């Protein structure tokens, strides 16, 4: 496990050294979840994101078709995560992301009330 010392700036900002980002396979623009563990340690965890345009519910698609596409996207993301060594993501976190994506699809299907 690599270590590095960084300075926390006035507004809470810090720079994660390139070597550590590359070792962890974290590209620019990645969303990170921060959690306090053991009372004083901060754990950074890359978060899975889904492009809404990929899973958008077009009127010509059935719910089943949309879910099949979502499954295909998740499979691609899992393969990509495995290639980056991030395949140890807990199933609980994956389920949270899938649930959020499904709720977005439901919101897109609701009629607009005037």
Protein backbone atom coordinates (compact mmCIF):
# COMPACT_ATOMS: atom_id res chain seq x y z
CA UNK A 1 0.00 0.00 0.00
CA UNK A 2 1.41 3.38 -1.03
CA UNK A 3 1.37 6.40 1.23
CA UNK A 4 1.71 10.11 0.73
CA UNK A 5 1.47 13.23 2.86
CA UNK A 6 -0.67 16.06 1.52
CA UNK A 7 -1.53 19.48 2.88
CA UNK A 8 -5.17 20.33 3.53
CA UNK A 9 -5.86 23.81 2.18
CA UNK A 10 -7.96 26.52 3.83
CA UNK A 11 -11.17 25.56 2.00
CA UNK A 12 -10.73 21.83 2.65
CA UNK A 13 -9.06 21.13 -0.68
CA UNK A 14 -6.15 18.76 -1.21
CA UNK A 15 -4.32 17.23 -4.14
CA UNK A 16 -4.11 13.46 -4.42
CA UNK A 17 -0.67 12.77 -5.93
CA UNK A 18 -0.68 11.42 -9.49
CA UNK A 19 1.21 8.26 -8.53
CA UNK A 20 -1.50 7.32 -6.02
CA UNK A 21 -4.33 8.13 -8.46
CA UNK A 22 -2.69 6.03 -11.16
CA UNK A 23 -2.02 3.16 -8.77
CA UNK A 24 -5.68 3.17 -7.71
CA UNK A 25 -6.89 3.59 -11.31
CA UNK A 26 -8.82 6.79 -10.54
CA UNK A 27 -9.16 8.98 -13.65
CA UNK A 28 -9.86 12.71 -13.67
CA UNK A 29 -13.50 13.58 -12.99
CA UNK A 30 -14.19 10.50 -10.86
CA UNK A 31 -16.70 11.03 -8.06
CA UNK A 32 -15.31 9.96 -4.71
CA UNK A 33 -17.26 9.00 -1.60
CA UNK A 34 -15.60 10.05 1.65
CA UNK A 35 -16.21 8.21 4.91
CA UNK A 36 -14.69 8.47 8.38
CA UNK A 37 -13.55 5.07 9.62
CA UNK A 38 -12.10 4.11 12.98
CA UNK A 39 -12.89 7.59 14.26
CA UNK A 40 -9.97 9.38 12.60
CA UNK A 41 -9.21 7.87 9.19
CA UNK A 42 -10.81 9.04 5.94
CA UNK A 43 -11.64 6.44 3.30
CA UNK A 44 -12.02 7.59 -0.33
CA UNK A 45 -14.03 5.25 -2.55
CA UNK A 46 -14.52 5.82 -6.31
CA UNK A 47 -18.23 5.86 -7.19
CA UNK A 48 -19.92 4.24 -10.14
CA UNK A 49 -21.75 6.69 -12.38
CA UNK A 50 -24.22 5.97 -15.14
CA UNK A 51 -24.75 8.21 -18.16
CA UNK A 52 -28.47 9.05 -18.18
CA UNK A 53 -28.57 9.14 -21.98
CA UNK A 54 -27.64 5.45 -22.04
CA UNK A 55 -30.56 4.41 -19.84
CA UNK A 56 -33.10 7.04 -20.87
CA UNK A 57 -36.53 5.66 -21.49
CA UNK A 58 -37.58 6.46 -25.04
CA UNK A 59 -41.32 6.13 -25.81
CA UNK A 60 -40.64 3.34 -28.31
CA UNK A 61 -38.85 1.21 -25.71
CA UNK A 62 -40.61 -1.02 -23.25
CA UNK A 63 -39.63 -1.13 -19.60
CA UNK A 64 -38.15 -4.58 -20.23
CA UNK A 65 -35.98 -3.26 -23.07
CA UNK A 66 -34.74 -0.38 -20.90
CA UNK A 67 -33.83 -2.77 -18.09
CA UNK A 68 -32.01 -5.06 -20.55
CA UNK A 69 -29.97 -2.08 -21.73
CA UNK A 70 -29.23 -1.17 -18.12
CA UNK A 71 -28.01 -4.71 -17.45
CA UNK A 72 -25.74 -4.51 -20.50
CA UNK A 73 -24.32 -1.18 -19.30
CA UNK A 74 -23.73 -2.54 -15.80
CA UNK A 75 -21.96 -5.60 -17.28
CA UNK A 76 -19.69 -3.27 -19.29
CA UNK A 77 -18.97 -1.20 -16.18
CA UNK A 78 -18.19 -4.31 -14.14
CA UNK A 79 -15.76 -5.50 -16.84
CA UNK A 80 -14.11 -2.07 -16.91
CA UNK A 81 -13.90 -2.06 -13.10
CA UNK A 82 -12.33 -5.53 -13.16
CA UNK A 83 -9.71 -4.35 -15.67
CA UNK A 84 -8.90 -1.43 -13.33
CA UNK A 85 -8.80 -3.68 -10.28
CA UNK A 86 -11.95 -2.14 -8.80
CA UNK A 87 -14.00 -5.35 -8.93
CA UNK A 88 -14.12 -5.59 -5.15
CA UNK A 89 -16.94 -3.03 -4.97
CA UNK A 90 -19.53 -4.26 -2.45
CA UNK A 91 -22.78 -5.48 -3.93
CA UNK A 92 -24.61 -3.11 -1.59
CA UNK A 93 -23.03 -0.08 -3.31
CA UNK A 94 -23.82 -1.50 -6.76
CA UNK A 95 -27.45 -2.00 -5.72
CA UNK A 96 -27.68 1.62 -4.53
CA UNK A 97 -26.47 2.87 -7.91
CA UNK A 98 -28.84 0.58 -9.83
CA UNK A 99 -31.75 1.70 -7.64
CA UNK A 100 -30.90 5.35 -8.33
CA UNK A 101 -30.75 4.69 -12.08
CA UNK A 102 -34.13 2.96 -11.97
CA UNK A 103 -35.69 5.89 -10.13
CA UNK A 104 -34.36 8.23 -12.84
CA UNK A 105 -36.06 6.09 -15.48
CA UNK A 106 -39.33 6.28 -13.49
CA UNK A 107 -39.05 10.06 -13.21
CA UNK A 108 -38.51 10.37 -16.96
CA UNK A 109 -41.73 8.43 -17.60
CA UNK A 110 -43.99 10.60 -15.40
CA UNK A 111 -46.29 12.89 -17.40
CA UNK A 112 -45.78 16.63 -17.13
CA UNK A 113 -48.65 18.28 -15.27
CA UNK A 114 -49.63 21.75 -16.50
